[in-house]
């Protein structure tokens, strides 16, 4: 069973067993505009929750993407190198950034549910 959670920095993370796949939310890509470049973490990199994990550049701005959970990067989405606009089209699907083997599974439970994230967005307008 996969479960999806969200951060206040507009990252989403989907859990499948101990592997957490993450990227930026649809809201974040909408705010950034047309994405022209994505810098992904290195496979094998050890990340702590909140560490800078990636950089997204759009026609408007460059933005850091933070690790939603701690662990080691096991895979990156190589499709984004040649097609960064995939993040605009499928932010919470095919536009994922990386997969992390979680070292602190309890962190996932501390993230926002989809309903909590929608309420957070409504409050931040």
Protein backbone atom coordinates (compact mmCIF):
# COMPACT_ATOMS: atom_id res chain seq x y z
CA UNK A 1 0.00 0.00 0.00
CA UNK A 2 1.32 3.43 -0.82
CA UNK A 3 0.58 6.51 1.24
CA UNK A 4 1.32 10.13 0.30
CA UNK A 5 2.30 12.97 2.62
CA UNK A 6 3.31 16.61 2.19
CA UNK A 7 5.76 19.13 3.68
CA UNK A 8 5.31 22.83 4.41
CA UNK A 9 7.99 23.43 1.75
CA UNK A 10 5.65 21.93 -0.88
CA UNK A 11 7.30 18.56 -1.36
CA UNK A 12 5.24 15.39 -1.66
CA UNK A 13 6.45 11.98 -0.60
CA UNK A 14 4.90 8.60 -1.39
CA UNK A 15 5.82 5.61 0.71
CA UNK A 16 6.10 2.11 -0.70
CA UNK A 17 7.49 -0.19 1.97
CA UNK A 18 10.65 1.55 3.21
CA UNK A 19 11.21 3.47 -0.04
CA UNK A 20 10.05 7.09 -0.16
CA UNK A 21 9.60 8.67 -3.60
CA UNK A 22 9.47 12.46 -3.56
CA UNK A 23 9.07 15.54 -5.72
CA UNK A 24 7.43 18.95 -5.63
CA UNK A 25 3.68 19.40 -5.35
CA UNK A 26 1.40 20.51 -8.13
CA UNK A 27 0.96 23.78 -6.22
CA UNK A 28 4.73 24.35 -6.18
CA UNK A 29 5.19 23.72 -9.90
CA UNK A 30 2.25 26.03 -10.60
CA UNK A 31 3.88 28.80 -8.54
CA UNK A 32 7.26 28.29 -10.24
CA UNK A 33 5.95 28.35 -13.80
CA UNK A 34 7.73 26.64 -16.68
CA UNK A 35 10.51 24.47 -15.26
CA UNK A 36 13.66 24.56 -17.38
CA UNK A 37 16.19 22.63 -15.26
CA UNK A 38 16.22 20.16 -12.36
CA UNK A 39 19.38 19.30 -10.41
CA UNK A 40 18.89 15.95 -8.69
CA UNK A 41 20.80 14.41 -5.78
CA UNK A 42 23.46 11.77 -6.40
CA UNK A 43 22.48 8.13 -6.02
CA UNK A 44 23.98 6.97 -2.72
CA UNK A 45 23.83 10.44 -1.13
CA UNK A 46 22.83 10.39 2.53
CA UNK A 47 20.19 13.01 3.29
CA UNK A 48 18.75 14.15 6.59
CA UNK A 49 15.17 15.38 6.71
CA UNK A 50 15.23 19.05 5.68
CA UNK A 51 18.57 18.87 3.81
CA UNK A 52 18.70 20.44 0.38
CA UNK A 53 18.10 17.50 -1.94
CA UNK A 54 17.56 19.11 -5.34
CA UNK A 55 17.25 22.43 -7.15
CA UNK A 56 14.50 23.39 -9.56
CA UNK A 57 14.96 26.26 -11.99
CA UNK A 58 12.05 27.85 -13.77
CA UNK A 59 11.63 30.89 -15.97
CA UNK A 60 10.73 32.79 -12.77
CA UNK A 61 13.18 31.56 -10.13
CA UNK A 62 15.47 28.87 -8.76
CA UNK A 63 14.16 27.00 -5.75
CA UNK A 64 15.64 24.44 -3.36
CA UNK A 65 13.86 21.16 -2.81
CA UNK A 66 14.34 19.63 0.63
CA UNK A 67 14.48 15.99 1.64
CA UNK A 68 11.09 15.13 3.18
CA UNK A 69 12.62 12.19 5.10
CA UNK A 70 16.09 10.99 6.08
CA UNK A 71 17.88 8.20 4.26
CA UNK A 72 20.04 7.23 1.31
CA UNK A 73 19.11 8.10 -2.28
CA UNK A 74 18.52 4.83 -4.14
CA UNK A 75 17.33 6.19 -7.50
CA UNK A 76 16.80 9.43 -9.39
CA UNK A 77 14.40 10.27 -12.19
CA UNK A 78 16.83 10.55 -15.13
CA UNK A 79 13.97 11.54 -17.42
CA UNK A 80 14.03 15.01 -15.87
CA UNK A 81 17.50 15.73 -17.25
CA UNK A 82 16.24 15.85 -20.82
CA UNK A 83 12.65 16.77 -20.00
CA UNK A 84 12.41 19.05 -16.92
CA UNK A 85 8.96 20.18 -18.08
CA UNK A 86 7.68 16.77 -17.01
CA UNK A 87 7.48 18.28 -13.51
CA UNK A 88 4.94 20.82 -14.83
CA UNK A 89 2.88 18.10 -16.52
CA UNK A 90 3.01 15.38 -13.82
CA UNK A 91 4.38 16.95 -10.63
CA UNK A 92 2.98 14.23 -8.38
CA UNK A 93 3.46 11.37 -10.84
CA UNK A 94 6.03 10.98 -13.60
CA UNK A 95 7.78 14.18 -12.48
CA UNK A 96 9.15 12.59 -9.28
CA UNK A 97 12.71 13.54 -8.31
CA UNK A 98 14.28 10.73 -6.30
CA UNK A 99 13.72 7.66 -4.14
CA UNK A 100 15.11 7.40 -0.61
CA UNK A 101 15.57 4.27 1.51
CA UNK A 102 14.32 5.73 4.79
CA UNK A 103 16.54 5.55 7.84
CA UNK A 104 13.97 7.18 10.17
CA UNK A 105 10.52 5.80 9.19
CA UNK A 106 8.79 7.73 11.99
CA UNK A 107 9.50 11.00 10.11
CA UNK A 108 6.97 10.06 7.45
CA UNK A 109 4.17 9.97 10.02
CA UNK A 110 5.00 13.54 11.06
CA UNK A 111 4.27 14.94 7.61
CA UNK A 112 0.93 16.40 6.52
CA UNK A 113 -1.87 14.30 5.03
CA UNK A 114 -3.42 15.53 1.78
CA UNK A 115 -6.32 17.10 3.72
CA UNK A 116 -3.87 18.85 6.08
CA UNK A 117 -1.83 20.11 3.11
CA UNK A 118 -4.94 21.50 1.40
CA UNK A 119 -5.87 23.29 4.63
CA UNK A 120 -2.29 24.61 4.90
CA UNK A 121 -2.53 26.00 1.35
CA UNK A 122 -5.87 27.64 2.08
CA UNK A 123 -4.39 29.33 5.18
CA UNK A 124 -1.33 30.60 3.31
CA UNK A 125 -3.26 32.49 0.63
